[in-house]
PDB file of N, CA and C in Angstrom:
ATOM      1  N   UNK A   1      23.038 -11.418   8.105  1.00  0.00           N
ATOM      2  CA  UNK A   1      23.287 -12.687   7.770  1.00  0.00           C
ATOM      3  C   UNK A   1      22.601 -13.987   8.428  1.00  0.00           C
ATOM      4  N   UNK A   2      22.372 -14.774   7.630  1.00  0.00           N
ATOM      5  CA  UNK A   2      21.481 -16.071   8.319  1.00  0.00           C
ATOM      6  C   UNK A   2      22.507 -17.050   8.191  1.00  0.00           C
ATOM      7  N   UNK A   3      21.964 -18.495   8.558  1.00  0.00           N
ATOM      8  CA  UNK A   3      22.632 -19.508   8.429  1.00  0.00           C
ATOM      9  C   UNK A   3      23.089 -19.727   7.087  1.00  0.00           C
ATOM     10  N   UNK A   4      24.280 -20.549   7.064  1.00  0.00           N
ATOM     11  CA  UNK A   4      24.762 -21.222   5.716  1.00  0.00           C
ATOM     12  C   UNK A   4      24.140 -22.640   5.440  1.00  0.00           C
ATOM     13  N   UNK A   5      23.664 -22.646   4.312  1.00  0.00           N
ATOM     14  CA  UNK A   5      23.029 -24.065   3.788  1.00  0.00           C
ATOM     15  C   UNK A   5      23.859 -24.925   3.194  1.00  0.00           C
ATOM     16  N   UNK A   6      24.996 -24.282   2.448  1.00  0.00           N
ATOM     17  CA  UNK A   6      25.770 -24.946   1.576  1.00  0.00           C
ATOM     18  C   UNK A   6      27.075 -24.220   1.267  1.00  0.00           C
ATOM     19  N   UNK A   7      28.202 -24.951   1.218  1.00  0.00           N
ATOM     20  CA  UNK A   7      29.430 -24.451   0.926  1.00  0.00           C
ATOM     21  C   UNK A   7      30.246 -25.192  -0.249  1.00  0.00           C
ATOM     22  N   UNK A   8      30.979 -24.526  -1.101  1.00  0.00           N
ATOM     23  CA  UNK A   8      31.629 -25.183  -2.124  1.00  0.00           C
ATOM     24  C   UNK A   8      33.007 -24.547  -2.345  1.00  0.00           C
ATOM     25  N   UNK A   9      34.048 -25.453  -2.628  1.00  0.00           N
ATOM     26  CA  UNK A   9      35.327 -24.817  -3.075  1.00  0.00           C
ATOM     27  C   UNK A   9      35.633 -24.516  -4.268  1.00  0.00           C
ATOM     28  N   UNK A  10      36.318 -23.476  -4.797  1.00  0.00           N
ATOM     29  CA  UNK A  10      36.394 -23.260  -6.163  1.00  0.00           C
ATOM     30  C   UNK A  10      37.449 -24.109  -6.693  1.00  0.00           C
ATOM     31  N   UNK A  11      37.702 -24.348  -8.105  1.00  0.00           N
ATOM     32  CA  UNK A  11      38.517 -25.354  -8.635  1.00  0.00           C
ATOM     33  C   UNK A  11      39.894 -25.065  -8.288  1.00  0.00           C
ATOM     34  N   UNK A  12      40.323 -23.802  -8.284  1.00  0.00           N
ATOM     35  CA  UNK A  12      41.595 -23.278  -7.833  1.00  0.00           C
ATOM     36  C   UNK A  12      41.977 -23.331  -6.507  1.00  0.00           C
ATOM     37  N   UNK A  13      41.042 -23.567  -5.548  1.00  0.00           N
ATOM     38  CA  UNK A  13      41.030 -23.722  -4.215  1.00  0.00           C
ATOM     39  C   UNK A  13      41.409 -22.566  -3.560  1.00  0.00           C
ATOM     40  N   UNK A  14      41.225 -21.502  -4.254  1.00  0.00           N
ATOM     41  CA  UNK A  14      41.634 -20.104  -3.568  1.00  0.00           C
ATOM     42  C   UNK A  14      40.474 -19.364  -3.093  1.00  0.00           C
ATOM     43  N   UNK A  15      39.067 -19.893  -3.279  1.00  0.00           N
ATOM     44  CA  UNK A  15      38.136 -19.368  -2.550  1.00  0.00           C
ATOM     45  C   UNK A  15      36.933 -20.233  -2.493  1.00  0.00           C
ATOM     46  N   UNK A  16      35.927 -19.891  -1.489  1.00  0.00           N
ATOM     47  CA  UNK A  16      34.954 -20.590  -1.127  1.00  0.00           C
ATOM     48  C   UNK A  16      33.512 -19.938  -1.649  1.00  0.00           C
ATOM     49  N   UNK A  17      32.455 -20.706  -1.957  1.00  0.00           N
ATOM     50  CA  UNK A  17      31.210 -19.932  -2.311  1.00  0.00           C
ATOM     51  C   UNK A  17      30.168 -20.353  -1.188  1.00  0.00           C
ATOM     52  N   UNK A  18      29.262 -19.538  -0.510  1.00  0.00           N
ATOM     53  CA  UNK A  18      28.294 -19.961   0.522  1.00  0.00           C
ATOM     54  C   UNK A  18      27.262 -19.445  -0.001  1.00  0.00           C
ATOM     55  N   UNK A  19      26.192 -20.446   0.223  1.00  0.00           N
ATOM     56  CA  UNK A  19      24.725 -19.956  -0.171  1.00  0.00           C
ATOM     57  C   UNK A  19      23.854 -20.109   1.190  1.00  0.00           C
ATOM     58  N   UNK A  20      22.727 -19.340   1.585  1.00  0.00           N
ATOM     59  CA  UNK A  20      22.045 -19.715   2.829  1.00  0.00           C
ATOM     60  C   UNK A  20      20.964 -18.809   2.855  1.00  0.00           C
ATOM     61  N   UNK A  21      20.742 -18.664   4.446  1.00  0.00           N
ATOM     62  CA  UNK A  21      19.426 -17.979   4.638  1.00  0.00           C
ATOM     63  C   UNK A  21      19.385 -16.529   4.336  1.00  0.00           C
ATOM     64  N   UNK A  22      20.416 -16.047   3.967  1.00  0.00           N
ATOM     65  CA  UNK A  22      20.695 -14.585   3.519  1.00  0.00           C
ATOM     66  C   UNK A  22      20.165 -14.278   2.130  1.00  0.00           C
ATOM     67  N   UNK A  23      19.871 -15.463   1.428  1.00  0.00           N
ATOM     68  CA  UNK A  23      19.273 -15.628  -0.047  1.00  0.00           C
ATOM     69  C   UNK A  23      20.428 -14.752  -0.904  1.00  0.00           C
ATOM     70  N   UNK A  24      21.617 -14.967  -0.639  1.00  0.00           N
ATOM     71  CA  UNK A  24      22.615 -14.524  -1.652  1.00  0.00           C
ATOM     72  C   UNK A  24      23.854 -15.674  -1.691  1.00  0.00           C
ATOM     73  N   UNK A  25      24.805 -15.276  -2.822  1.00  0.00           N
ATOM     74  CA  UNK A  25      25.811 -15.941  -2.815  1.00  0.00           C
ATOM     75  C   UNK A  25      26.911 -15.302  -2.388  1.00  0.00           C
ATOM     76  N   UNK A  26      27.681 -15.744  -1.667  1.00  0.00           N
ATOM     77  CA  UNK A  26      28.885 -14.996  -1.015  1.00  0.00           C
ATOM     78  C   UNK A  26      30.296 -15.544  -1.659  1.00  0.00           C
ATOM     79  N   UNK A  27      31.140 -14.861  -1.858  1.00  0.00           N
ATOM     80  CA  UNK A  27      32.258 -15.329  -2.415  1.00  0.00           C
ATOM     81  C   UNK A  27      33.473 -14.981  -1.202  1.00  0.00           C
ATOM     82  N   UNK A  28      34.280 -15.928  -0.975  1.00  0.00           N
ATOM     83  CA  UNK A  28      35.137 -15.719   0.299  1.00  0.00           C
ATOM     84  C   UNK A  28      36.624 -16.364  -0.364  1.00  0.00           C
ATOM     85  N   UNK A  29      37.537 -15.091  -0.163  1.00  0.00           N
ATOM     86  CA  UNK A  29      38.814 -15.354  -0.683  1.00  0.00           C
ATOM     87  C   UNK A  29      39.372 -16.221   0.873  1.00  0.00           C
ATOM     88  N   UNK A  30      39.850 -17.373   0.953  1.00  0.00           N
ATOM     89  CA  UNK A  30      40.144 -18.028   2.010  1.00  0.00           C
ATOM     90  C   UNK A  30      41.231 -17.311   2.865  1.00  0.00           C
ATOM     91  N   UNK A  31      42.164 -15.954   2.276  1.00  0.00           N
ATOM     92  CA  UNK A  31      43.014 -15.367   3.244  1.00  0.00           C
ATOM     93  C   UNK A  31      42.426 -14.158   3.836  1.00  0.00           C
ATOM     94  N   UNK A  32      41.015 -14.189   3.657  1.00  0.00           N
ATOM     95  CA  UNK A  32      40.281 -12.811   4.121  1.00  0.00           C
ATOM     96  C   UNK A  32      39.222 -13.105   5.019  1.00  0.00           C
ATOM     97  N   UNK A  33      39.099 -12.048   5.608  1.00  0.00           N
ATOM     98  CA  UNK A  33      37.942 -12.163   6.822  1.00  0.00           C
ATOM     99  C   UNK A  33      36.443 -11.891   6.166  1.00  0.00           C
ATOM    100  N   UNK A  34      36.410 -11.099   5.373  1.00  0.00           N
ATOM    101  CA  UNK A  34      35.051 -10.677   4.852  1.00  0.00           C
ATOM    102  C   UNK A  34      34.988 -11.339   3.385  1.00  0.00           C
ATOM    103  N   UNK A  35      33.602 -11.480   3.117  1.00  0.00           N
ATOM    104  CA  UNK A  35      33.348 -11.857   1.546  1.00  0.00           C
ATOM    105  C   UNK A  35      34.146 -10.891   0.322  1.00  0.00           C
ATOM    106  N   UNK A  36      34.447 -11.310  -0.634  1.00  0.00           N
ATOM    107  CA  UNK A  36      35.027 -10.469  -1.710  1.00  0.00           C
ATOM    108  C   UNK A  36      33.776 -10.010  -2.392  1.00  0.00           C
ATOM    109  N   UNK A  37      32.776 -10.725  -2.541  1.00  0.00           N
ATOM    110  CA  UNK A  37      31.661 -10.250  -3.364  1.00  0.00           C
ATOM    111  C   UNK A  37      30.357 -10.986  -2.721  1.00  0.00           C
ATOM    112  N   UNK A  38      29.327 -10.447  -2.831  1.00  0.00           N
ATOM    113  CA  UNK A  38      27.920 -10.603  -2.459  1.00  0.00           C
ATOM    114  C   UNK A  38      27.104 -10.435  -3.517  1.00  0.00           C
ATOM    115  N   UNK A  39      26.132 -11.683  -4.061  1.00  0.00           N
ATOM    116  CA  UNK A  39      25.188 -11.438  -4.983  1.00  0.00           C
ATOM    117  C   UNK A  39      23.802 -11.979  -4.466  1.00  0.00           C
ATOM    118  N   UNK A  40      23.096 -10.917  -4.924  1.00  0.00           N
ATOM    119  CA  UNK A  40      21.388 -11.381  -4.569  1.00  0.00           C
ATOM    120  C   UNK A  40      20.915 -12.482  -5.553  1.00  0.00           C
ATOM    121  N   UNK A  41      20.473 -13.434  -5.106  1.00  0.00           N
ATOM    122  CA  UNK A  41      20.058 -14.818  -5.920  1.00  0.00           C
ATOM    123  C   UNK A  41      18.869 -14.010  -6.851  1.00  0.00           C
ATOM    124  N   UNK A  42      17.925 -13.285  -6.261  1.00  0.00           N
ATOM    125  CA  UNK A  42      16.743 -12.652  -6.992  1.00  0.00           C
ATOM    126  C   UNK A  42      16.783 -10.961  -6.417  1.00  0.00           C
ATOM    127  N   UNK A  43      16.182 -10.234  -7.163  1.00  0.00           N
ATOM    128  CA  UNK A  43      16.106  -8.860  -6.792  1.00  0.00           C
ATOM    129  C   UNK A  43      15.428  -8.622  -5.328  1.00  0.00           C
ATOM    130  N   UNK A  44      13.968  -9.456  -5.454  1.00  0.00           N
ATOM    131  CA  UNK A  44      13.308  -9.264  -4.169  1.00  0.00           C
ATOM    132  C   UNK A  44      13.732 -10.303  -3.120  1.00  0.00           C
ATOM    133  N   UNK A  45      14.879 -11.102  -3.231  1.00  0.00           N
ATOM    134  CA  UNK A  45      15.325 -11.814  -2.115  1.00  0.00           C
ATOM    135  C   UNK A  45      14.422 -12.837  -1.710  1.00  0.00           C
ATOM    136  N   UNK A  46      13.658 -13.452  -2.814  1.00  0.00           N
ATOM    137  CA  UNK A  46      12.572 -14.499  -2.282  1.00  0.00           C
ATOM    138  C   UNK A  46      13.123 -15.918  -2.505  1.00  0.00           C
ATOM    139  N   UNK A  47      14.255 -15.995  -3.137  1.00  0.00           N
ATOM    140  CA  UNK A  47      14.890 -17.320  -3.243  1.00  0.00           C
ATOM    141  C   UNK A  47      16.034 -17.920  -2.259  1.00  0.00           C
ATOM    142  N   UNK A  48      15.661 -18.535  -1.424  1.00  0.00           N
ATOM    143  CA  UNK A  48      16.873 -19.353  -0.355  1.00  0.00           C
ATOM    144  C   UNK A  48      17.618 -20.331  -1.341  1.00  0.00           C
ATOM    145  N   UNK A  49      18.692 -20.300  -1.284  1.00  0.00           N
ATOM    146  CA  UNK A  49      19.729 -21.435  -2.028  1.00  0.00           C
ATOM    147  C   UNK A  49      20.000 -22.313  -0.980  1.00  0.00           C
ATOM    148  N   UNK A  50      19.739 -23.659  -1.471  1.00  0.00           N
ATOM    149  CA  UNK A  50      20.042 -24.736  -0.337  1.00  0.00           C
ATOM    150  C   UNK A  50      21.069 -25.500  -0.894  1.00  0.00           C
ATOM    151  N   UNK A  51      21.780 -25.465  -2.066  1.00  0.00           N
ATOM    152  CA  UNK A  51      22.922 -26.218  -2.624  1.00  0.00           C
ATOM    153  C   UNK A  51      23.542 -25.045  -3.638  1.00  0.00           C
ATOM    154  N   UNK A  52      24.708 -25.161  -3.531  1.00  0.00           N
ATOM    155  CA  UNK A  52      25.691 -24.652  -4.748  1.00  0.00           C
ATOM    156  C   UNK A  52      26.833 -25.460  -5.138  1.00  0.00           C
ATOM    157  N   UNK A  53      27.169 -25.464  -6.610  1.00  0.00           N
ATOM    158  CA  UNK A  53      28.183 -26.265  -7.276  1.00  0.00           C
ATOM    159  C   UNK A  53      28.990 -25.439  -8.229  1.00  0.00           C
ATOM    160  N   UNK A  54      30.272 -25.735  -8.105  1.00  0.00           N
ATOM    161  CA  UNK A  54      31.288 -25.134  -8.956  1.00  0.00           C
ATOM    162  C   UNK A  54      31.450 -26.234 -10.084  1.00  0.00           C
ATOM    163  N   UNK A  55      31.486 -25.733 -11.489  1.00  0.00           N
ATOM    164  CA  UNK A  55      31.743 -26.770 -12.507  1.00  0.00           C
ATOM    165  C   UNK A  55      33.148 -27.189 -12.346  1.00  0.00           C
ATOM    166  N   UNK A  56      33.654 -28.285 -12.957  1.00  0.00           N
ATOM    167  CA  UNK A  56      34.897 -28.712 -12.832  1.00  0.00           C
ATOM    168  C   UNK A  56      35.963 -27.856 -13.665  1.00  0.00           C
ATOM    169  N   UNK A  57      35.376 -27.102 -14.695  1.00  0.00           N
ATOM    170  CA  UNK A  57      36.225 -26.125 -15.572  1.00  0.00           C
ATOM    171  C   UNK A  57      36.404 -24.986 -14.610  1.00  0.00           C
ATOM    172  N   UNK A  58      35.645 -24.873 -13.617  1.00  0.00           N
ATOM    173  CA  UNK A  58      35.799 -23.502 -13.032  1.00  0.00           C
ATOM    174  C   UNK A  58      35.049 -22.487 -13.508  1.00  0.00           C
ATOM    175  N   UNK A  59      34.172 -22.483 -14.603  1.00  0.00           N
ATOM    176  CA  UNK A  59      33.653 -21.241 -15.233  1.00  0.00           C
ATOM    177  C   UNK A  59      32.384 -21.138 -14.881  1.00  0.00           C
ATOM    178  N   UNK A  60      31.546 -22.272 -14.206  1.00  0.00           N
ATOM    179  CA  UNK A  60      30.102 -21.976 -13.952  1.00  0.00           C
ATOM    180  C   UNK A  60      29.973 -22.372 -12.748  1.00  0.00           C
ATOM    181  N   UNK A  61      28.849 -21.632 -12.221  1.00  0.00           N
ATOM    182  CA  UNK A  61      28.228 -21.953 -10.793  1.00  0.00           C
ATOM    183  C   UNK A  61      26.788 -22.305 -10.818  1.00  0.00           C
ATOM    184  N   UNK A  62      26.287 -23.186 -10.089  1.00  0.00           N
ATOM    185  CA  UNK A  62      24.819 -23.830 -10.203  1.00  0.00           C
ATOM    186  C   UNK A  62      24.400 -23.523  -8.936  1.00  0.00           C
ATOM    187  N   UNK A  63      23.154 -22.774  -8.770  1.00  0.00           N
ATOM    188  CA  UNK A  63      22.593 -22.824  -7.495  1.00  0.00           C
ATOM    189  C   UNK A  63      20.972 -23.270  -7.564  1.00  0.00           C
ATOM    190  N   UNK A  64      20.624 -23.824  -6.425  1.00  0.00           N
ATOM    191  CA  UNK A  64      19.298 -24.502  -6.358  1.00  0.00           C
ATOM    192  C   UNK A  64      18.658 -24.069  -5.070  1.00  0.00           C
ATOM    193  N   UNK A  65      17.215 -23.949  -4.832  1.00  0.00           N
ATOM    194  CA  UNK A  65      16.796 -23.609  -3.603  1.00  0.00           C
ATOM    195  C   UNK A  65      15.329 -23.961  -3.301  1.00  0.00           C
ATOM    196  N   UNK A  66      14.616 -22.941  -2.680  1.00  0.00           N
ATOM    197  CA  UNK A  66      13.256 -22.961  -2.224  1.00  0.00           C
ATOM    198  C   UNK A  66      12.402 -22.604  -3.496  1.00  0.00           C
ATOM    199  N   UNK A  67      13.109 -21.614  -4.410  1.00  0.00           N
ATOM    200  CA  UNK A  67      12.041 -21.284  -5.544  1.00  0.00           C
ATOM    201  C   UNK A  67      11.841 -22.520  -6.654  1.00  0.00           C
ATOM    202  N   UNK A  68      12.542 -23.668  -6.243  1.00  0.00           N
ATOM    203  CA  UNK A  68      12.342 -24.962  -7.468  1.00  0.00           C
ATOM    204  C   UNK A  68      13.032 -24.549  -8.622  1.00  0.00           C
ATOM    205  N   UNK A  69      14.021 -23.664  -8.900  1.00  0.00           N
ATOM    206  CA  UNK A  69      14.470 -23.321  -9.943  1.00  0.00           C
ATOM    207  C   UNK A  69      16.151 -23.607  -9.752  1.00  0.00           C
ATOM    208  N   UNK A  70      16.616 -24.284 -11.186  1.00  0.00           N
ATOM    209  CA  UNK A  70      17.994 -24.330 -11.261  1.00  0.00           C
ATOM    210  C   UNK A  70      18.505 -22.986 -11.987  1.00  0.00           C
ATOM    211  N   UNK A  71      19.616 -22.508 -11.274  1.00  0.00           N
ATOM    212  CA  UNK A  71      20.160 -21.360 -11.722  1.00  0.00           C
ATOM    213  C   UNK A  71      21.673 -21.462 -12.231  1.00  0.00           C
ATOM    214  N   UNK A  72      21.895 -21.001 -13.364  1.00  0.00           N
ATOM    215  CA  UNK A  72      23.370 -21.460 -13.901  1.00  0.00           C
ATOM    216  C   UNK A  72      24.156 -19.851 -14.220  1.00  0.00           C
ATOM    217  N   UNK A  73      25.143 -19.741 -13.314  1.00  0.00           N
ATOM    218  CA  UNK A  73      25.762 -18.475 -13.364  1.00  0.00           C
ATOM    219  C   UNK A  73      27.178 -18.484 -13.854  1.00  0.00           C
ATOM    220  N   UNK A  74      27.767 -17.341 -14.609  1.00  0.00           N
ATOM    221  CA  UNK A  74      28.992 -17.380 -14.853  1.00  0.00           C
ATOM    222  C   UNK A  74      29.776 -16.985 -13.671  1.00  0.00           C
ATOM    223  N   UNK A  75      30.988 -17.633 -13.502  1.00  0.00           N
ATOM    224  CA  UNK A  75      31.786 -17.582 -12.375  1.00  0.00           C
ATOM    225  C   UNK A  75      32.574 -16.081 -12.299  1.00  0.00           C
ATOM    226  N   UNK A  76      32.950 -15.713 -13.381  1.00  0.00           N
ATOM    227  CA  UNK A  76      33.726 -14.561 -13.585  1.00  0.00           C
ATOM    228  C   UNK A  76      32.827 -13.508 -13.211  1.00  0.00           C
ATOM    229  N   UNK A  77      31.957 -13.151 -14.232  1.00  0.00           N
ATOM    230  CA  UNK A  77      30.917 -12.066 -14.152  1.00  0.00           C
ATOM    231  C   UNK A  77      29.686 -12.242 -13.204  1.00  0.00           C
ATOM    232  N   UNK A  78      29.460 -13.441 -12.820  1.00  0.00           N
ATOM    233  CA  UNK A  78      28.211 -13.561 -11.841  1.00  0.00           C
ATOM    234  C   UNK A  78      27.094 -13.092 -12.849  1.00  0.00           C
ATOM    235  N   UNK A  79      26.937 -13.444 -13.977  1.00  0.00           N
ATOM    236  CA  UNK A  79      26.061 -12.762 -14.693  1.00  0.00           C
ATOM    237  C   UNK A  79      25.045 -14.361 -14.773  1.00  0.00           C
ATOM    238  N   UNK A  80      23.793 -14.317 -14.640  1.00  0.00           N
ATOM    239  CA  UNK A  80      22.763 -15.289 -14.640  1.00  0.00           C
ATOM    240  C   UNK A  80      22.491 -15.743 -16.329  1.00  0.00           C
ATOM    241  N   UNK A  81      22.918 -16.996 -16.486  1.00  0.00           N
ATOM    242  CA  UNK A  81      23.001 -17.489 -17.683  1.00  0.00           C
ATOM    243  C   UNK A  81      21.966 -18.183 -18.154  1.00  0.00           C
ATOM    244  N   UNK A  82      21.402 -18.699 -17.259  1.00  0.00           N
ATOM    245  CA  UNK A  82      20.164 -19.673 -17.499  1.00  0.00           C
ATOM    246  C   UNK A  82      19.370 -19.986 -16.252  1.00  0.00           C
ATOM    247  N   UNK A  83      18.141 -20.262 -16.431  1.00  0.00           N
ATOM    248  CA  UNK A  83      17.125 -20.671 -15.165  1.00  0.00           C
ATOM    249  C   UNK A  83      16.485 -22.021 -15.884  1.00  0.00           C
ATOM    250  N   UNK A  84      16.631 -23.060 -14.999  1.00  0.00           N
ATOM    251  CA  UNK A  84      15.846 -24.069 -15.199  1.00  0.00           C
ATOM    252  C   UNK A  84      14.912 -24.536 -14.592  1.00  0.00           C
ATOM    253  N   UNK A  85      13.691 -24.686 -14.971  1.00  0.00           N
ATOM    254  CA  UNK A  85      12.386 -25.206 -14.481  1.00  0.00           C
ATOM    255  C   UNK A  85      12.076 -26.660 -14.807  1.00  0.00           C
ATOM    256  N   UNK A  86      11.651 -27.415 -13.626  1.00  0.00           N
ATOM    257  CA  UNK A  86      11.531 -28.951 -13.744  1.00  0.00           C
ATOM    258  C   UNK A  86      11.088 -29.558 -12.450  1.00  0.00           C
ATOM    259  N   UNK A  87      11.729 -28.916 -11.424  1.00  0.00           N
ATOM    260  CA  UNK A  87      11.238 -29.522  -9.939  1.00  0.00           C
ATOM    261  C   UNK A  87       9.975 -28.762  -9.569  1.00  0.00           C
ATOM    262  N   UNK A  88       9.316 -29.514  -8.762  1.00  0.00           N
ATOM    263  CA  UNK A  88       8.052 -29.095  -8.238  1.00  0.00           C
ATOM    264  C   UNK A  88       8.216 -28.917  -6.521  1.00  0.00           C
ATOM    265  N   UNK A  89       9.513 -28.970  -6.054  1.00  0.00           N
ATOM    266  CA  UNK A  89       9.892 -28.964  -4.726  1.00  0.00           C
ATOM    267  C   UNK A  89      11.244 -28.273  -4.697  1.00  0.00           C
ATOM    268  N   UNK A  90      11.573 -27.924  -3.564  1.00  0.00           N
ATOM    269  CA  UNK A  90      13.049 -27.336  -3.275  1.00  0.00           C
ATOM    270  C   UNK A  90      14.140 -28.190  -3.692  1.00  0.00           C
ATOM    271  N   UNK A  91      15.019 -27.738  -4.338  1.00  0.00           N
ATOM    272  CA  UNK A  91      16.227 -28.152  -5.090  1.00  0.00           C
ATOM    273  C   UNK A  91      17.294 -28.431  -3.895  1.00  0.00           C
ATOM    274  N   UNK A  92      17.894 -29.623  -3.376  1.00  0.00           N
ATOM    275  CA  UNK A  92      18.626 -30.069  -2.607  1.00  0.00           C
ATOM    276  C   UNK A  92      19.866 -30.209  -2.768  1.00  0.00           C
ATOM    277  N   UNK A  93      20.265 -30.696  -3.905  1.00  0.00           N
ATOM    278  CA  UNK A  93      21.706 -30.798  -4.106  1.00  0.00           C
ATOM    279  C   UNK A  93      22.070 -30.746  -5.727  1.00  0.00           C
ATOM    280  N   UNK A  94      23.000 -30.623  -6.017  1.00  0.00           N
ATOM    281  CA  UNK A  94      23.806 -30.159  -7.369  1.00  0.00           C
ATOM    282  C   UNK A  94      25.106 -31.160  -7.620  1.00  0.00           C
ATOM    283  N   UNK A  95      25.322 -31.701  -8.549  1.00  0.00           N
ATOM    284  CA  UNK A  95      26.564 -31.930  -9.100  1.00  0.00           C
ATOM    285  C   UNK A  95      26.707 -31.842 -10.508  1.00  0.00           C
ATOM    286  N   UNK A  96      27.995 -31.488 -11.091  1.00  0.00           N
ATOM    287  CA  UNK A  96      28.257 -31.313 -12.460  1.00  0.00           C
ATOM    288  C   UNK A  96      29.015 -32.578 -12.788  1.00  0.00           C
ATOM    289  N   UNK A  97      28.535 -33.230 -13.870  1.00  0.00           N
ATOM    290  CA  UNK A  97      29.407 -34.374 -14.547  1.00  0.00           C
ATOM    291  C   UNK A  97      30.781 -34.011 -14.652  1.00  0.00           C
ATOM    292  N   UNK A  98      31.679 -35.057 -14.723  1.00  0.00           N
ATOM    293  CA  UNK A  98      33.359 -34.741 -15.002  1.00  0.00           C
ATOM    294  C   UNK A  98      33.536 -33.791 -16.021  1.00  0.00           C
ATOM    295  N   UNK A  99      32.718 -34.122 -17.167  1.00  0.00           N
ATOM    296  CA  UNK A  99      32.923 -33.165 -18.600  1.00  0.00           C
ATOM    297  C   UNK A  99      32.027 -31.910 -18.375  1.00  0.00           C
ATOM    298  N   UNK A 100      31.507 -31.535 -17.565  1.00  0.00           N
ATOM    299  CA  UNK A 100      30.542 -30.383 -17.155  1.00  0.00           C
ATOM    300  C   UNK A 100      29.546 -30.244 -18.179  1.00  0.00           C
ATOM    301  N   UNK A 101      29.254 -31.317 -19.162  1.00  0.00           N
ATOM    302  CA  UNK A 101      28.112 -31.413 -19.942  1.00  0.00           C
ATOM    303  C   UNK A 101      26.827 -31.571 -19.459  1.00  0.00           C
ATOM    304  N   UNK A 102      26.729 -32.096 -18.111  1.00  0.00           N
ATOM    305  CA  UNK A 102      25.468 -32.066 -17.725  1.00  0.00           C
ATOM    306  C   UNK A 102      25.497 -31.789 -16.143  1.00  0.00           C
ATOM    307  N   UNK A 103      24.490 -31.572 -15.611  1.00  0.00           N
ATOM    308  CA  UNK A 103      24.314 -31.041 -14.035  1.00  0.00           C
ATOM    309  C   UNK A 103      23.150 -31.978 -13.556  1.00  0.00           C
ATOM    310  N   UNK A 104      23.272 -32.583 -12.656  1.00  0.00           N
ATOM    311  CA  UNK A 104      22.303 -33.450 -12.112  1.00  0.00           C
ATOM    312  C   UNK A 104      21.814 -32.643 -10.886  1.00  0.00           C
ATOM    313  N   UNK A 105      20.374 -32.432 -10.556  1.00  0.00           N
ATOM    314  CA  UNK A 105      19.876 -31.928  -9.495  1.00  0.00           C
ATOM    315  C   UNK A 105      18.717 -33.083  -9.011  1.00  0.00           C
ATOM    316  N   UNK A 106      18.872 -32.711  -7.505  1.00  0.00           N
ATOM    317  CA  UNK A 106      18.082 -33.664  -6.786  1.00  0.00           C
ATOM    318  C   UNK A 106      17.194 -32.667  -5.907  1.00  0.00           C
ATOM    319  N   UNK A 107      15.595 -32.849  -5.801  1.00  0.00           N
ATOM    320  CA  UNK A 107      14.758 -32.024  -5.131  1.00  0.00           C
ATOM    321  C   UNK A 107      14.077 -32.780  -4.131  1.00  0.00           C
ATOM    322  N   UNK A 108      13.215 -32.025  -3.388  1.00  0.00           N
ATOM    323  CA  UNK A 108      12.181 -32.622  -2.537  1.00  0.00           C
ATOM    324  C   UNK A 108      11.184 -33.226  -3.205  1.00  0.00           C
ATOM    325  N   UNK A 109      10.780 -33.088  -4.201  1.00  0.00           N
ATOM    326  CA  UNK A 109       9.714 -33.546  -5.080  1.00  0.00           C
ATOM    327  C   UNK A 109       9.951 -34.906  -5.354  1.00  0.00           C
ATOM    328  N   UNK A 110      11.096 -35.493  -4.937  1.00  0.00           N
ATOM    329  CA  UNK A 110      11.637 -36.689  -5.194  1.00  0.00           C
ATOM    330  C   UNK A 110      12.166 -37.283  -6.548  1.00  0.00           C
ATOM    331  N   UNK A 111      12.456 -35.931  -7.422  1.00  0.00           N
ATOM    332  CA  UNK A 111      12.890 -35.975  -8.870  1.00  0.00           C
ATOM    333  C   UNK A 111      14.342 -35.854  -8.825  1.00  0.00           C
ATOM    334  N   UNK A 112      15.209 -36.598  -9.727  1.00  0.00           N
ATOM    335  CA  UNK A 112      16.710 -36.574  -9.970  1.00  0.00           C
ATOM    336  C   UNK A 112      16.514 -35.970 -11.596  1.00  0.00           C
ATOM    337  N   UNK A 113      16.860 -34.898 -11.660  1.00  0.00           N
ATOM    338  CA  UNK A 113      16.924 -34.146 -12.898  1.00  0.00           C
ATOM    339  C   UNK A 113      18.167 -34.299 -13.593  1.00  0.00           C
ATOM    340  N   UNK A 114      18.269 -34.508 -14.906  1.00  0.00           N
ATOM    341  CA  UNK A 114      19.742 -34.348 -15.547  1.00  0.00           C
ATOM    342  C   UNK A 114      19.613 -33.246 -16.555  1.00  0.00           C
ATOM    343  N   UNK A 115      20.515 -32.016 -16.571  1.00  0.00           N
ATOM    344  CA  UNK A 115      20.244 -30.955 -17.180  1.00  0.00           C
ATOM    345  C   UNK A 115      21.466 -31.021 -18.338  1.00  0.00           C
ATOM    346  N   UNK A 116      21.228 -30.752 -19.566  1.00  0.00           N
ATOM    347  CA  UNK A 116      22.489 -30.719 -20.673  1.00  0.00           C
ATOM    348  C   UNK A 116      22.769 -29.235 -20.554  1.00  0.00           C
ATOM    349  N   UNK A 117      24.201 -29.232 -20.543  1.00  0.00           N
ATOM    350  CA  UNK A 117      24.736 -27.884 -20.670  1.00  0.00           C
ATOM    351  C   UNK A 117      25.403 -27.672 -22.104  1.00  0.00           C
ATOM    352  N   UNK A 118      25.248 -26.747 -22.564  1.00  0.00           N
ATOM    353  CA  UNK A 118      25.919 -26.364 -24.122  1.00  0.00           C
ATOM    354  C   UNK A 118      26.479 -25.053 -23.794  1.00  0.00           C
ATOM    355  N   UNK A 119      27.838 -25.061 -24.026  1.00  0.00           N
ATOM    356  CA  UNK A 119      28.707 -23.984 -24.047  1.00  0.00           C
ATOM    357  C   UNK A 119      29.481 -23.526 -25.249  1.00  0.00           C
TER     358      UNK A 119
END
């Protein structure tokens, strides 16, 4: 395990999600000592996530990091739904709009990108 780069609380406030130097998403039940599940961000563990966000609906998770890619995941199945290419530097922060129709990402490249989400 490496250091934690970002942490977020699920909509129902029963679990937290962490990303960091271990290059995985870890899902923690707040009442348990060990993670409930751990998912690799890539098969070769080449992408270190620097940020994670859960949608307001609680259905989606977004990650961004050193691979310059925005990744959108289904929270229930942890299936990768989409990968967004647009940043030329690491992605440092992510936020969903209140209606979950947009996701804003901020990167080391100085860009602020607004991604439309269709579900």
